[in-house]
């Protein structure tokens, strides 16, 4: 069954990204954000989420929580990489008294 996740309130993803949802026989649902590639797709680092559907009232609640959490993790990973890159630009030797 295909759903319109945006109609449920799931966050919209940038062009080229999509949600992949898989149910596992152990009773949890896996959510991933993936990037389309020329051949296939790849997992967007940090976006994998496992949700226990028994802790939710409706299927829509499970889907919304999984998609929202996956997107929040994707954004957090982007922010960490950005902060690392900006901090790495400052690498070097510094005088603690303000001079060079």
N, C-alpha and C. Protein backbone atom coordinates (compact mmCIF):
# COMPACT_ATOMS: atom_id res chain seq x y z
N UNK A 1 0.85 -1.18 0.00
CA UNK A 1 0.00 0.00 0.00
C UNK A 1 0.89 1.24 0.00
N UNK A 2 0.69 2.12 -0.96
CA UNK A 2 1.44 3.38 -1.04
C UNK A 2 0.61 4.48 -0.40
N UNK A 3 1.29 5.33 0.36
CA UNK A 3 0.63 6.41 1.07
C UNK A 3 1.21 7.75 0.64
N UNK A 4 0.46 8.80 0.85
CA UNK A 4 0.95 10.15 0.69
C UNK A 4 1.44 10.59 2.07
N UNK A 5 2.74 10.42 2.32
CA UNK A 5 3.28 10.74 3.64
C UNK A 5 3.14 12.22 3.97
N UNK A 6 3.23 13.08 2.97
CA UNK A 6 3.09 14.52 3.24
C UNK A 6 1.68 14.84 3.75
N UNK A 7 0.68 14.11 3.28
CA UNK A 7 -0.70 14.33 3.76
C UNK A 7 -0.83 13.94 5.23
N UNK A 8 0.03 13.04 5.70
CA UNK A 8 0.02 12.65 7.12
C UNK A 8 0.80 13.65 7.98
N UNK A 9 1.54 14.55 7.33
CA UNK A 9 2.32 15.55 8.06
C UNK A 9 3.80 15.24 8.13
N UNK A 10 4.26 14.24 7.37
CA UNK A 10 5.69 13.91 7.36
C UNK A 10 6.47 15.07 6.73
N UNK A 11 7.66 15.33 7.24
CA UNK A 11 8.46 16.41 6.67
C UNK A 11 8.79 16.18 5.20
N UNK A 12 8.71 17.24 4.42
CA UNK A 12 9.11 17.17 3.02
C UNK A 12 10.63 17.08 2.96
N UNK A 13 11.13 16.29 2.04
CA UNK A 13 12.57 16.11 1.89
C UNK A 13 13.06 16.89 0.67
N UNK A 14 14.32 17.28 0.69
CA UNK A 14 14.89 17.95 -0.48
C UNK A 14 14.84 17.03 -1.71
N UNK A 15 14.90 17.64 -2.87
CA UNK A 15 14.89 16.90 -4.14
C UNK A 15 15.98 15.84 -4.13
N UNK A 16 15.63 14.65 -4.58
CA UNK A 16 16.59 13.55 -4.66
C UNK A 16 16.60 12.63 -3.46
N UNK A 17 15.92 13.02 -2.39
CA UNK A 17 15.84 12.18 -1.20
C UNK A 17 14.45 11.58 -1.09
N UNK A 18 14.37 10.40 -0.45
CA UNK A 18 13.07 9.76 -0.25
C UNK A 18 13.10 8.91 1.00
N UNK A 19 11.92 8.61 1.52
CA UNK A 19 11.78 7.73 2.68
C UNK A 19 11.69 6.28 2.20
N UNK A 20 12.35 5.39 2.91
CA UNK A 20 12.15 3.96 2.71
C UNK A 20 11.66 3.39 4.04
N UNK A 21 10.54 2.66 3.99
CA UNK A 21 9.93 2.09 5.18
C UNK A 21 9.87 0.58 5.00
N UNK A 22 10.37 -0.15 6.00
CA UNK A 22 10.34 -1.61 5.94
C UNK A 22 9.85 -2.15 7.28
N UNK A 23 8.95 -3.12 7.20
CA UNK A 23 8.47 -3.82 8.39
C UNK A 23 9.34 -5.06 8.60
N UNK A 24 9.76 -5.29 9.84
CA UNK A 24 10.57 -6.45 10.16
C UNK A 24 9.77 -7.46 10.97
N UNK A 25 10.09 -8.72 10.76
CA UNK A 25 9.34 -9.79 11.43
C UNK A 25 9.51 -9.75 12.94
N UNK A 26 10.48 -9.03 13.45
CA UNK A 26 10.68 -8.93 14.90
C UNK A 26 9.71 -7.93 15.54
N UNK A 27 8.91 -7.27 14.72
CA UNK A 27 7.86 -6.42 15.26
C UNK A 27 8.13 -4.94 15.22
N UNK A 28 9.21 -4.51 14.61
CA UNK A 28 9.47 -3.08 14.51
C UNK A 28 9.48 -2.64 13.06
N UNK A 29 9.38 -1.34 12.88
CA UNK A 29 9.36 -0.75 11.54
C UNK A 29 10.61 0.10 11.39
N UNK A 30 11.30 -0.07 10.27
CA UNK A 30 12.53 0.68 10.01
C UNK A 30 12.24 1.80 9.02
N UNK A 31 12.73 2.98 9.34
CA UNK A 31 12.61 4.15 8.48
C UNK A 31 14.01 4.59 8.08
N UNK A 32 14.19 4.88 6.82
CA UNK A 32 15.45 5.40 6.31
C UNK A 32 15.15 6.56 5.37
N UNK A 33 16.09 7.48 5.32
CA UNK A 33 16.07 8.49 4.27
C UNK A 33 17.20 8.09 3.33
N UNK A 34 16.87 8.02 2.06
CA UNK A 34 17.83 7.56 1.06
C UNK A 34 17.97 8.61 -0.04
N UNK A 35 19.13 8.59 -0.67
CA UNK A 35 19.42 9.50 -1.78
C UNK A 35 19.43 8.69 -3.07
N UNK A 36 18.68 9.17 -4.04
CA UNK A 36 18.67 8.51 -5.35
C UNK A 36 20.04 8.68 -6.01
N UNK A 37 20.50 7.60 -6.60
CA UNK A 37 21.77 7.61 -7.32
C UNK A 37 21.49 7.19 -8.76
N UNK A 38 22.47 7.29 -9.58
CA UNK A 38 22.29 6.86 -10.97
C UNK A 38 21.85 5.40 -11.02
N UNK A 39 22.48 4.58 -10.18
CA UNK A 39 22.11 3.17 -10.07
C UNK A 39 21.74 2.91 -8.61
N UNK A 40 20.46 2.83 -8.33
CA UNK A 40 20.01 2.54 -6.97
C UNK A 40 19.95 3.76 -6.08
N UNK A 41 20.25 3.53 -4.81
CA UNK A 41 20.21 4.61 -3.83
C UNK A 41 21.20 4.30 -2.72
N UNK A 42 21.43 5.31 -1.87
CA UNK A 42 22.30 5.10 -0.71
C UNK A 42 21.64 5.70 0.51
N UNK A 43 21.92 5.10 1.66
CA UNK A 43 21.40 5.58 2.94
C UNK A 43 22.03 6.92 3.27
N UNK A 44 21.22 7.88 3.67
CA UNK A 44 21.73 9.15 4.15
C UNK A 44 22.21 8.92 5.57
N UNK A 45 23.48 9.19 5.80
CA UNK A 45 24.12 8.91 7.07
C UNK A 45 23.35 9.51 8.24
N UNK A 46 23.09 8.68 9.25
CA UNK A 46 22.45 9.13 10.47
C UNK A 46 20.94 9.15 10.45
N UNK A 47 20.32 8.70 9.35
CA UNK A 47 18.86 8.86 9.24
C UNK A 47 18.06 7.60 9.56
N UNK A 48 18.71 6.52 9.92
CA UNK A 48 18.00 5.26 10.16
C UNK A 48 17.31 5.28 11.53
N UNK A 49 16.03 4.87 11.54
CA UNK A 49 15.22 4.87 12.76
C UNK A 49 14.42 3.58 12.84
N UNK A 50 14.32 3.02 14.04
CA UNK A 50 13.47 1.85 14.28
C UNK A 50 12.35 2.27 15.23
N UNK A 51 11.12 1.95 14.87
CA UNK A 51 9.96 2.34 15.67
C UNK A 51 9.19 1.09 16.04
N UNK A 52 8.78 1.02 17.30
CA UNK A 52 7.94 -0.07 17.79
C UNK A 52 6.49 0.36 17.60
N UNK A 53 5.77 -0.24 16.66
CA UNK A 53 4.40 0.21 16.39
C UNK A 53 3.43 -0.06 17.54
N UNK A 54 3.79 -0.97 18.44
CA UNK A 54 2.88 -1.28 19.54
C UNK A 54 2.76 -0.13 20.55
N UNK A 55 3.64 0.86 20.43
CA UNK A 55 3.60 1.99 21.35
C UNK A 55 2.81 3.17 20.78
N UNK A 56 2.12 2.96 19.67
CA UNK A 56 1.35 4.01 19.01
C UNK A 56 -0.10 3.58 18.82
N UNK A 57 -0.99 4.55 18.77
CA UNK A 57 -2.42 4.26 18.61
C UNK A 57 -2.81 3.92 17.18
N UNK A 58 -2.19 4.60 16.21
CA UNK A 58 -2.59 4.41 14.81
C UNK A 58 -1.37 4.22 13.92
N UNK A 59 -1.62 3.69 12.73
CA UNK A 59 -0.57 3.54 11.73
C UNK A 59 -0.03 4.92 11.36
N UNK A 60 -0.90 5.89 11.23
CA UNK A 60 -0.46 7.25 10.90
C UNK A 60 0.52 7.78 11.94
N UNK A 61 0.27 7.49 13.22
CA UNK A 61 1.19 7.93 14.28
C UNK A 61 2.57 7.29 14.12
N UNK A 62 2.60 6.00 13.79
CA UNK A 62 3.87 5.29 13.57
C UNK A 62 4.62 5.94 12.41
N UNK A 63 3.93 6.14 11.30
CA UNK A 63 4.56 6.72 10.11
C UNK A 63 5.06 8.13 10.37
N UNK A 64 4.26 8.93 11.03
CA UNK A 64 4.65 10.31 11.29
C UNK A 64 5.85 10.37 12.22
N UNK A 65 5.85 9.55 13.28
CA UNK A 65 6.99 9.56 14.20
C UNK A 65 8.26 9.08 13.52
N UNK A 66 8.16 8.00 12.75
CA UNK A 66 9.34 7.47 12.06
C UNK A 66 9.93 8.45 11.07
N UNK A 67 9.09 9.03 10.23
CA UNK A 67 9.58 9.99 9.23
C UNK A 67 10.14 11.24 9.88
N UNK A 68 9.46 11.75 10.90
CA UNK A 68 9.92 12.96 11.57
C UNK A 68 11.25 12.73 12.27
N UNK A 69 11.38 11.60 12.98
CA UNK A 69 12.63 11.30 13.67
C UNK A 69 13.77 11.08 12.67
N UNK A 70 13.51 10.38 11.59
CA UNK A 70 14.54 10.16 10.57
C UNK A 70 15.01 11.49 10.00
N UNK A 71 14.08 12.39 9.71
CA UNK A 71 14.46 13.69 9.16
C UNK A 71 15.19 14.54 10.20
N UNK A 72 14.76 14.50 11.46
CA UNK A 72 15.47 15.22 12.52
C UNK A 72 16.91 14.73 12.63
N UNK A 73 17.11 13.41 12.53
CA UNK A 73 18.46 12.85 12.61
C UNK A 73 19.29 13.24 11.39
N UNK A 74 18.66 13.30 10.22
CA UNK A 74 19.37 13.74 9.01
C UNK A 74 19.86 15.16 9.17
N UNK A 75 19.00 16.03 9.68
CA UNK A 75 19.37 17.44 9.87
C UNK A 75 20.45 17.58 10.93
N UNK A 76 20.34 16.82 12.02
CA UNK A 76 21.36 16.87 13.08
C UNK A 76 22.73 16.42 12.54
N UNK A 77 22.73 15.38 11.70
CA UNK A 77 23.98 14.91 11.11
C UNK A 77 24.58 15.98 10.19
N UNK A 78 23.73 16.66 9.42
CA UNK A 78 24.21 17.76 8.57
C UNK A 78 24.82 18.87 9.41
N UNK A 79 24.16 19.21 10.51
CA UNK A 79 24.66 20.26 11.39
C UNK A 79 26.00 19.87 12.02
N UNK A 80 26.14 18.59 12.44
CA UNK A 80 27.40 18.13 13.01
C UNK A 80 28.53 18.23 11.99
N UNK A 81 28.26 17.79 10.76
CA UNK A 81 29.29 17.86 9.71
C UNK A 81 29.66 19.31 9.40
N UNK A 82 28.66 20.18 9.37
CA UNK A 82 28.93 21.59 9.10
C UNK A 82 29.76 22.22 10.22
N UNK A 83 29.41 21.92 11.47
CA UNK A 83 30.16 22.48 12.60
C UNK A 83 31.59 21.94 12.60
N UNK A 84 31.75 20.66 12.29
CA UNK A 84 33.10 20.09 12.23
C UNK A 84 33.91 20.80 11.15
N UNK A 85 33.33 20.99 9.98
CA UNK A 85 34.05 21.63 8.88
C UNK A 85 34.46 23.06 9.25
N UNK A 86 33.56 23.79 9.89
CA UNK A 86 33.89 25.17 10.29
C UNK A 86 34.95 25.19 11.37
N UNK A 87 34.88 24.24 12.30
CA UNK A 87 35.87 24.16 13.37
C UNK A 87 37.21 23.72 12.80
N UNK A 88 37.20 22.76 11.87
CA UNK A 88 38.43 22.27 11.27
C UNK A 88 39.15 23.40 10.52
N UNK A 89 38.41 24.35 9.98
CA UNK A 89 39.02 25.50 9.30
C UNK A 89 39.86 26.33 10.25
N UNK A 90 39.61 26.23 11.54
CA UNK A 90 40.34 27.01 12.54
C UNK A 90 41.55 26.26 13.10
N UNK A 91 41.79 25.06 12.59
CA UNK A 91 42.90 24.26 13.12
C UNK A 91 44.22 25.01 12.94
N UNK A 92 45.06 24.90 13.92
CA UNK A 92 46.37 25.55 13.85
C UNK A 92 46.89 25.82 15.24
N UNK A 93 48.01 26.48 15.33
CA UNK A 93 48.63 26.83 16.61
C UNK A 93 48.29 28.27 16.95
N UNK A 94 47.88 28.49 18.18
CA UNK A 94 47.48 29.82 18.62
C UNK A 94 48.15 30.15 19.94
N UNK A 95 48.49 31.40 20.12
CA UNK A 95 49.03 31.89 21.38
C UNK A 95 47.86 32.18 22.30
N UNK A 96 47.91 31.67 23.52
CA UNK A 96 46.80 31.87 24.45
C UNK A 96 46.66 33.31 24.89
N UNK A 97 47.65 34.16 24.63
CA UNK A 97 47.58 35.56 25.05
C UNK A 97 47.10 36.46 23.92
N UNK A 98 46.65 35.89 22.81
CA UNK A 98 46.07 36.69 21.75
C UNK A 98 46.99 37.02 20.60
N UNK A 99 48.26 36.76 20.70
CA UNK A 99 49.18 37.04 19.60
C UNK A 99 49.40 35.80 18.76
N UNK A 100 50.22 35.94 17.74
CA UNK A 100 50.53 34.79 16.88
C UNK A 100 51.75 34.10 17.32
